[in-house]
Amino acid sequence: MRYENRETPGTFARKILEELDLEIKAENILPLLDTYQDGGIDEYVTLDREEYRIISKDIIDDVLIDELKADPYILGSFADWVLADTLDIPLYVIQALQESENFETLGNWVIDVDKVKDLAKIYIQHDGYGHHFAHYDGYEHYIPMYGIEDIYIFRVG
């Protein structure tokens, strides 16, 4: 395989380790080499005994939407004003549903009227991807790559 005009597996691993301020050593490089590809990355790796999730830019929105659809309770827990705007219904309706702890019902409503993508867009604009994917610290690392899809990395444990 030729790597002209694109990151090599070695530079891919080095960029990630430098961004995360981790030591460049074999036990950190090897798991990263297994994730190297041009796009379509959604992998968990262990680096220095900590778990990270790597997601390429080309699929991160779809991954987020799929995960939100799989958890109606979380969808129904979004800020009342965001849900009211997204669903185009009065704020008091959302507040009444949330006060009566009907989060899952509200989330299923978002799914049924096909508004998950709209809600995800607002979520990203306000909180970034780290709030959803980085369970450990809420921080997202964005790493531009040369000749392959850029990636996001999140510490998850």
Protein backbone atom coordinates (compact mmCIF):
# COMPACT_ATOMS: atom_id res chain seq x y z
CA MET A 1 0.00 0.00 0.00
CA ARG A 2 1.33 3.45 -0.89
CA TYR A 3 0.80 6.38 1.46
CA GLU A 4 1.55 9.29 -0.85
CA ASN A 5 -0.43 12.42 -0.02
CA ARG A 6 -1.92 10.96 3.15
CA GLU A 7 -1.08 10.13 6.73
CA THR A 8 0.86 6.92 7.22
CA PRO A 9 -0.24 4.58 9.99
CA GLY A 10 2.77 5.71 12.02
CA THR A 11 2.04 9.45 11.73
CA PHE A 12 -1.64 8.73 12.41
CA ALA A 13 -0.66 7.09 15.73
CA ARG A 14 1.92 9.76 16.59
CA LYS A 15 -0.55 12.63 16.03
CA ILE A 16 -3.09 10.99 18.32
CA LEU A 17 -0.59 10.31 21.10
CA GLU A 18 0.81 13.84 20.90
CA GLU A 19 -2.69 15.36 21.06
CA LEU A 20 -3.50 13.26 24.13
CA ASP A 21 -0.08 14.02 25.65
CA LEU A 22 0.69 10.30 25.95
CA GLU A 23 4.02 8.58 25.63
CA ILE A 24 4.93 7.35 22.16
CA LYS A 25 5.64 3.68 22.89
CA ALA A 26 4.72 0.36 21.33
CA GLU A 27 1.90 -0.47 23.74
CA ASN A 28 0.19 2.80 22.76
CA ILE A 29 1.01 2.69 19.05
CA LEU A 30 -0.16 -0.86 18.30
CA PRO A 31 -3.86 -0.37 19.21
CA LEU A 32 -3.91 2.78 17.08
CA LEU A 33 -2.46 1.02 14.05
CA ASP A 34 -5.44 -1.35 14.14
CA THR A 35 -7.85 1.62 13.83
CA TYR A 36 -6.02 3.26 10.90
CA GLN A 37 -8.26 3.64 7.85
CA ASP A 38 -9.69 6.40 5.73
CA GLY A 39 -13.00 7.20 7.37
CA GLY A 40 -15.64 5.02 8.92
CA ILE A 41 -13.76 4.77 12.23
CA ASP A 42 -15.68 4.13 15.43
CA GLU A 43 -13.33 2.23 17.70
CA TYR A 44 -12.47 1.91 21.37
CA VAL A 45 -8.78 1.71 22.27
CA THR A 46 -6.87 1.44 25.52
CA LEU A 47 -3.90 3.79 25.83
CA ASP A 48 -1.88 4.00 29.05
CA ARG A 49 -4.57 1.94 30.80
CA GLU A 50 -7.28 4.48 29.93
CA GLU A 51 -10.09 3.85 27.45
CA TYR A 52 -10.64 6.19 24.50
CA ARG A 53 -13.12 6.26 21.65
CA ILE A 54 -12.01 7.32 18.19
CA ILE A 55 -14.64 8.42 15.67
CA SER A 56 -13.90 9.79 12.22
CA LYS A 57 -15.45 13.06 11.14
CA ASP A 58 -17.32 11.47 8.23
CA ILE A 59 -19.57 9.36 10.49
CA ILE A 60 -19.69 11.16 13.85
CA ASP A 61 -23.06 12.82 13.23
CA ASP A 62 -24.63 9.50 12.19
CA VAL A 63 -23.15 7.76 15.25
CA LEU A 64 -24.56 10.48 17.52
CA ILE A 65 -28.01 10.29 15.91
CA ASP A 66 -28.09 6.48 16.16
CA GLU A 67 -27.12 6.59 19.83
CA LEU A 68 -29.72 9.26 20.61
CA LYS A 69 -32.42 7.25 18.82
CA ALA A 70 -31.48 4.23 20.92
CA ASP A 71 -32.15 6.15 24.14
CA PRO A 72 -35.52 7.96 24.11
CA TYR A 73 -35.14 8.77 27.81
CA ILE A 74 -32.09 10.93 27.06
CA LEU A 75 -33.90 12.64 24.17
CA GLY A 76 -36.80 13.49 26.48
CA SER A 77 -34.37 14.90 29.04
CA PHE A 78 -33.07 17.68 26.81
CA ALA A 79 -33.69 21.27 27.92
CA ASP A 80 -37.38 22.11 27.74
CA TRP A 81 -36.87 25.15 25.49
CA VAL A 82 -34.82 23.08 23.00
CA LEU A 83 -37.52 20.42 22.79
CA ALA A 84 -40.26 23.05 22.45
CA ASP A 85 -38.40 24.74 19.59
CA THR A 86 -37.52 21.46 17.89
CA LEU A 87 -41.02 20.01 18.13
CA ASP A 88 -42.70 23.39 17.52
CA ILE A 89 -45.03 23.00 20.49
CA PRO A 90 -45.67 25.24 23.51
CA LEU A 91 -43.06 25.21 26.25
CA TYR A 92 -45.66 24.39 28.93
CA VAL A 93 -46.44 21.07 27.19
CA ILE A 94 -42.80 20.00 27.39
CA GLN A 95 -42.54 21.20 30.98
CA ALA A 96 -45.67 19.24 31.98
CA LEU A 97 -44.33 16.05 30.39
CA GLN A 98 -40.93 16.46 32.03
CA GLU A 99 -42.39 17.36 35.44
CA SER A 100 -44.45 14.17 35.31
CA GLU A 101 -41.24 12.28 34.41
CA ASN A 102 -42.46 11.22 30.96
CA PHE A 103 -38.99 11.55 29.49
CA GLU A 104 -39.15 8.35 27.46
CA THR A 105 -42.55 9.26 26.00
CA LEU A 106 -41.22 12.66 25.02
CA GLY A 107 -38.10 11.09 23.49
CA ASN A 108 -40.22 8.65 21.49
CA TRP A 109 -42.21 11.62 20.22
CA VAL A 110 -38.97 13.22 18.96
CA ILE A 111 -38.14 9.96 17.18
CA ASP A 112 -41.66 9.49 15.76
CA VAL A 113 -41.75 12.96 14.18
CA ASP A 114 -38.21 12.47 12.80
CA LYS A 115 -36.62 15.37 14.70
CA VAL A 116 -33.59 13.56 16.16
CA LYS A 117 -31.26 15.01 13.52
CA ASP A 118 -32.50 18.53 14.27
CA LEU A 119 -32.06 17.98 18.00
CA ALA A 120 -28.57 16.53 17.50
CA LYS A 121 -27.55 19.62 15.50
CA ILE A 122 -28.61 21.92 18.35
CA TYR A 123 -26.89 19.62 20.87
CA ILE A 124 -23.58 19.84 18.97
CA GLN A 125 -23.84 23.61 18.55
CA HIS A 126 -24.33 24.15 22.29
CA ASP A 127 -22.27 21.37 23.89
CA GLY A 128 -20.00 19.95 21.18
CA TYR A 129 -19.48 16.21 20.77
CA GLY A 130 -17.60 15.76 24.04
CA HIS A 131 -20.70 16.11 26.18
CA HIS A 132 -22.16 12.98 24.62
CA PHE A 133 -19.14 10.82 23.79
CA ALA A 134 -16.57 11.69 26.49
CA HIS A 135 -18.10 10.09 29.56
CA TYR A 136 -14.92 10.64 31.57
CA ASP A 137 -14.32 14.37 31.23
CA GLY A 138 -16.65 15.76 28.54
CA TYR A 139 -13.70 16.90 26.42
CA GLU A 140 -13.34 16.34 22.69
CA HIS A 141 -10.03 16.17 20.86
CA TYR A 142 -10.23 17.04 17.17
CA ILE A 143 -7.26 15.96 15.09
CA PRO A 144 -6.95 17.04 11.45
CA MET A 145 -5.38 14.38 9.26
CA TYR A 146 -3.70 14.77 5.90
CA GLY A 147 -5.29 12.81 3.05
CA ILE A 148 -7.66 10.80 5.26
CA GLU A 149 -10.72 11.74 7.30
CA ASP A 150 -10.11 13.91 10.36
CA ILE A 151 -10.87 12.24 13.69
CA TYR A 152 -12.32 12.99 17.10
CA ILE A 153 -11.04 11.30 20.24
CA PHE A 154 -12.88 11.06 23.55
CA ARG A 155 -11.73 9.69 26.88
CA VAL A 156 -14.41 7.31 28.08
CA GLY A 157 -12.80 5.67 31.08
